[in-house]
Amino acid sequence: MKKQNLSAIEHSVLEAIQEKALTSFEILDKVENLDMILPLYSVLDNLNDKGVLKSYNSNDIKYHMAQ
């Protein structure tokens, strides 16, 4: 994983998806500092912009994993 200036919540999300790709709702269940889906989408967008997140679709479900 690339080391960049990450916020605490971004770091928490990356830790949750380090081992295995997860859906947004699975990430939401694992990360304690987030309790709503819209802020998670913002964090996922930021991580994607920083190049540390990979997302893909499988069977019409979107998965996210640390890169």
Protein backbone atom coordinates (compact mmCIF):
# COMPACT_ATOMS: atom_id res chain seq x y z
CA MET A 1 0.00 0.00 0.00
CA LYS A 2 1.27 3.48 -0.82
CA LYS A 3 2.02 5.67 2.17
CA GLN A 4 0.32 9.05 1.95
CA ASN A 5 -1.21 11.56 4.27
CA LEU A 6 -4.36 9.72 5.25
CA SER A 7 -6.99 10.82 7.73
CA ALA A 8 -7.85 8.54 10.62
CA ILE A 9 -11.06 7.43 8.93
CA GLU A 10 -9.28 6.75 5.64
CA HIS A 11 -6.73 4.65 7.51
CA SER A 12 -9.54 2.73 9.25
CA VAL A 13 -11.26 1.99 5.95
CA LEU A 14 -8.00 0.80 4.37
CA GLU A 15 -7.36 -1.50 7.33
CA ALA A 16 -10.83 -3.00 6.89
CA ILE A 17 -10.20 -3.83 3.22
CA GLN A 18 -6.54 -4.81 3.48
CA GLU A 19 -7.08 -8.57 3.67
CA LYS A 20 -10.17 -9.02 1.52
CA ALA A 21 -12.39 -7.07 -0.87
CA LEU A 22 -15.61 -5.90 0.76
CA THR A 23 -18.82 -4.21 -0.31
CA SER A 24 -19.64 -0.74 1.00
CA PHE A 25 -22.07 -2.13 3.56
CA GLU A 26 -19.51 -4.67 4.79
CA ILE A 27 -16.99 -1.85 5.22
CA LEU A 28 -19.60 0.18 7.09
CA ASP A 29 -20.09 -2.74 9.50
CA LYS A 30 -16.33 -3.08 10.13
CA VAL A 31 -15.39 0.58 10.59
CA GLU A 32 -16.52 1.95 13.93
CA ASN A 33 -16.08 5.67 13.17
CA LEU A 34 -18.62 5.56 10.32
CA ASP A 35 -22.30 4.99 10.82
CA MET A 36 -23.77 6.29 7.54
CA ILE A 37 -23.19 5.20 3.96
CA LEU A 38 -22.87 8.66 2.33
CA PRO A 39 -19.76 9.69 4.33
CA LEU A 40 -18.26 6.29 3.47
CA TYR A 41 -18.75 6.96 -0.24
CA SER A 42 -16.86 10.23 0.19
CA VAL A 43 -13.99 8.42 1.93
CA LEU A 44 -13.92 5.76 -0.80
CA ASP A 45 -13.77 8.49 -3.47
CA ASN A 46 -10.87 10.19 -1.65
CA LEU A 47 -8.97 6.91 -1.35
CA ASN A 48 -9.56 6.19 -5.02
CA ASP A 49 -8.25 9.66 -5.94
CA LYS A 50 -5.12 8.96 -3.86
CA GLY A 51 -4.55 5.71 -5.74
CA VAL A 52 -4.75 3.40 -2.73
CA LEU A 53 -8.14 1.83 -3.46
CA LYS A 54 -9.21 -0.56 -6.18
CA SER A 55 -12.89 -1.20 -6.90
CA TYR A 56 -14.47 -3.78 -9.16
CA ASN A 57 -17.88 -5.26 -9.94
CA SER A 58 -18.75 -8.92 -9.62
CA ASN A 59 -22.29 -10.20 -10.19
CA ASP A 60 -23.60 -6.60 -10.13
CA ILE A 61 -22.05 -5.98 -6.69
CA LYS A 62 -19.27 -3.44 -6.23
CA TYR A 63 -16.28 -4.50 -4.12
CA HIS A 64 -13.45 -2.36 -2.75
CA MET A 65 -9.96 -3.42 -1.72
CA ALA A 66 -6.70 -1.78 -0.70
CA GLN A 67 -4.16 -1.53 -3.47
